[in-house]
C-alpha atoms as a PDB file:
ATOM      1  CA  MET A   1     128.176 122.425 121.188  1.00  0.00           C
ATOM      2  CA  ASN A   2     124.815 122.246 122.927  1.00  0.00           C
ATOM      3  CA  PRO A   3     124.037 119.382 125.343  1.00  0.00           C
ATOM      4  CA  GLU A   4     121.572 117.683 122.986  1.00  0.00           C
ATOM      5  CA  LYS A   5     124.144 117.330 120.209  1.00  0.00           C
ATOM      6  CA  LYS A   6     126.789 116.257 122.715  1.00  0.00           C
ATOM      7  CA  ASN A   7     124.501 113.455 123.991  1.00  0.00           C
ATOM      8  CA  ALA A   8     123.814 112.318 120.429  1.00  0.00           C
ATOM      9  CA  LEU A   9     127.536 112.313 119.641  1.00  0.00           C
ATOM     10  CA  LYS A  10     128.211 110.168 122.721  1.00  0.00           C
ATOM     11  CA  SER A  11     125.543 107.726 121.556  1.00  0.00           C
ATOM     12  CA  ILE A  12     127.074 107.504 118.085  1.00  0.00           C
ATOM     13  CA  ILE A  13     130.523 106.910 119.569  1.00  0.00           C
ATOM     14  CA  PHE A  14     129.049 104.164 121.788  1.00  0.00           C
ATOM     15  CA  TYR A  15     127.598 102.366 118.766  1.00  0.00           C
ATOM     16  CA  ALA A  16     130.813 102.757 116.774  1.00  0.00           C
ATOM     17  CA  ILE A  17     132.791 101.142 119.590  1.00  0.00           C
ATOM     18  CA  ALA A  18     130.153  98.437 120.087  1.00  0.00           C
ATOM     19  CA  ILE A  19     130.085  97.527 116.387  1.00  0.00           C
ATOM     20  CA  LEU A  20     133.877  97.445 116.186  1.00  0.00           C
ATOM     21  CA  THR A  21     133.953  95.175 119.258  1.00  0.00           C
ATOM     22  CA  ILE A  22     131.366  92.809 117.768  1.00  0.00           C
ATOM     23  CA  VAL A  23     133.270  92.650 114.490  1.00  0.00           C
ATOM     24  CA  ALA A  24     136.572  91.996 116.305  1.00  0.00           C
ATOM     25  CA  ILE A  25     134.999  89.193 118.351  1.00  0.00           C
ATOM     26  CA  ASN A  26     133.461  87.560 115.282  1.00  0.00           C
ATOM     27  CA  VAL A  27     136.552  87.905 113.079  1.00  0.00           C
ATOM     28  CA  SER A  28     138.977  86.595 115.697  1.00  0.00           C
ATOM     29  CA  GLY A  29     137.473  83.097 115.653  1.00  0.00           C
ATOM     30  CA  LYS A  30     138.357  82.495 119.300  1.00  0.00           C
ATOM     31  CA  PHE A  31     134.790  82.862 120.521  1.00  0.00           C
ATOM     32  CA  LYS A  32     132.849  80.755 117.985  1.00  0.00           C
ATOM     33  CA  SER A  33     129.630  79.142 119.107  1.00  0.00           C
ATOM     34  CA  GLY A  34     128.788  75.506 118.786  1.00  0.00           C
ATOM     35  CA  PRO A  35     125.436  74.085 117.746  1.00  0.00           C
ATOM     36  CA  CYS A  36     124.188  73.895 121.340  1.00  0.00           C
ATOM     37  CA  THR A  37     126.432  76.356 123.155  1.00  0.00           C
ATOM     38  CA  PRO A  38     126.232  80.032 122.240  1.00  0.00           C
ATOM     39  CA  ASN A  39     129.456  81.857 122.923  1.00  0.00           C
ATOM     40  CA  LEU A  40     130.625  85.456 122.945  1.00  0.00           C
ATOM     41  CA  ASP A  41     130.068  85.913 119.190  1.00  0.00           C
ATOM     42  CA  VAL A  42     126.323  85.480 119.732  1.00  0.00           C
ATOM     43  CA  PHE A  43     126.093  87.032 123.178  1.00  0.00           C
ATOM     44  CA  SER A  44     127.948  90.189 122.128  1.00  0.00           C
ATOM     45  CA  VAL A  45     125.171  91.070 119.700  1.00  0.00           C
ATOM     46  CA  PHE A  46     122.437  90.372 122.239  1.00  0.00           C
ATOM     47  CA  ILE A  47     124.250  92.356 124.937  1.00  0.00           C
ATOM     48  CA  VAL A  48     124.486  95.401 122.663  1.00  0.00           C
ATOM     49  CA  VAL A  49     120.815  95.060 121.676  1.00  0.00           C
ATOM     50  CA  ALA A  50     119.828  94.854 125.368  1.00  0.00           C
ATOM     51  CA  LEU A  51     121.919  97.947 126.129  1.00  0.00           C
ATOM     52  CA  ASN A  52     120.291  99.654 123.149  1.00  0.00           C
ATOM     53  CA  VAL A  53     116.797  99.002 124.479  1.00  0.00           C
ATOM     54  CA  ILE A  54     117.755 100.183 127.969  1.00  0.00           C
ATOM     55  CA  LEU A  55     119.322 103.389 126.624  1.00  0.00           C
ATOM     56  CA  LEU A  56     116.323 103.946 124.335  1.00  0.00           C
ATOM     57  CA  ILE A  57     113.909 103.720 127.273  1.00  0.00           C
ATOM     58  CA  VAL A  58     116.062 105.948 129.504  1.00  0.00           C
ATOM     59  CA  ASN A  59     116.402 108.597 126.802  1.00  0.00           C
ATOM     60  CA  ALA A  60     112.677 108.430 126.026  1.00  0.00           C
ATOM     61  CA  ILE A  61     111.860 109.053 129.675  1.00  0.00           C
ATOM     62  CA  LYS A  62     114.367 111.895 129.879  1.00  0.00           C
ATOM     63  CA  ALA A  63     113.204 113.491 126.632  1.00  0.00           C
ATOM     64  CA  PHE A  64     109.437 113.175 126.870  1.00  0.00           C
ATOM     65  CA  VAL A  65     108.688 112.936 130.593  1.00  0.00           C
ATOM     66  CA  MET A  66     111.464 114.945 132.222  1.00  0.00           C
ATOM     67  CA  LYS A  67     111.750 117.376 129.261  1.00  0.00           C
ATOM     68  CA  LYS A  68     115.558 117.140 129.079  1.00  0.00           C
ATOM     69  CA  GLN A  69     117.563 117.616 125.902  1.00  0.00           C
ATOM     70  CA  THR A  70     117.968 114.004 124.784  1.00  0.00           C
ATOM     71  CA  ARG A  71     115.697 113.841 121.743  1.00  0.00           C
ATOM     72  CA  LEU A  72     118.555 113.467 119.236  1.00  0.00           C
ATOM     73  CA  SER A  73     120.081 110.740 121.376  1.00  0.00           C
ATOM     74  CA  PHE A  74     116.680 109.023 121.464  1.00  0.00           C
ATOM     75  CA  VAL A  75     116.564 109.132 117.662  1.00  0.00           C
ATOM     76  CA  VAL A  76     120.075 107.647 117.437  1.00  0.00           C
ATOM     77  CA  HIS A  77     119.096 104.774 119.755  1.00  0.00           C
ATOM     78  CA  PHE A  78     115.846 104.199 117.861  1.00  0.00           C
ATOM     79  CA  VAL A  79     117.636 104.059 114.498  1.00  0.00           C
ATOM     80  CA  ALA A  80     120.237 101.697 115.977  1.00  0.00           C
ATOM     81  CA  LEU A  81     117.457  99.426 117.261  1.00  0.00           C
ATOM     82  CA  ILE A  82     115.851  99.321 113.799  1.00  0.00           C
ATOM     83  CA  VAL A  83     119.243  98.489 112.229  1.00  0.00           C
ATOM     84  CA  PHE A  84     119.838  95.709 114.765  1.00  0.00           C
ATOM     85  CA  ILE A  85     116.370  94.250 114.109  1.00  0.00           C
ATOM     86  CA  ILE A  86     116.981  94.260 110.357  1.00  0.00           C
ATOM     87  CA  PHE A  87     120.452  92.738 110.864  1.00  0.00           C
ATOM     88  CA  ILE A  88     119.210  89.973 113.180  1.00  0.00           C
ATOM     89  CA  ASN A  89     116.251  89.130 110.922  1.00  0.00           C
ATOM     90  CA  GLY A  90     118.581  88.978 107.930  1.00  0.00           C
ATOM     91  CA  LYS A  91     120.962  86.639 109.756  1.00  0.00           C
ATOM     92  CA  LEU A  92     118.210  84.329 111.011  1.00  0.00           C
ATOM     93  CA  VAL A  93     116.429  83.866 107.694  1.00  0.00           C
END
């Protein structure tokens, strides 16, 4: 497997683990937020979105500035960011 596909596979595995963690936190009920105090159920989503943006920027720099093989990984992070934006907008409306 070439390095570009391996990087993309690592990114997909990261998002699978992150989504499973968010679901487990939200289903457990132990970390529910109050009206004025956000807890881990809210912060877990924002932490993953922040990590997504950081990884997107790093992979963009590696792919387009440093000319490394991370374009597929960049696409995975970009698609994940779009999905998170749609998910958060759907939850807030």
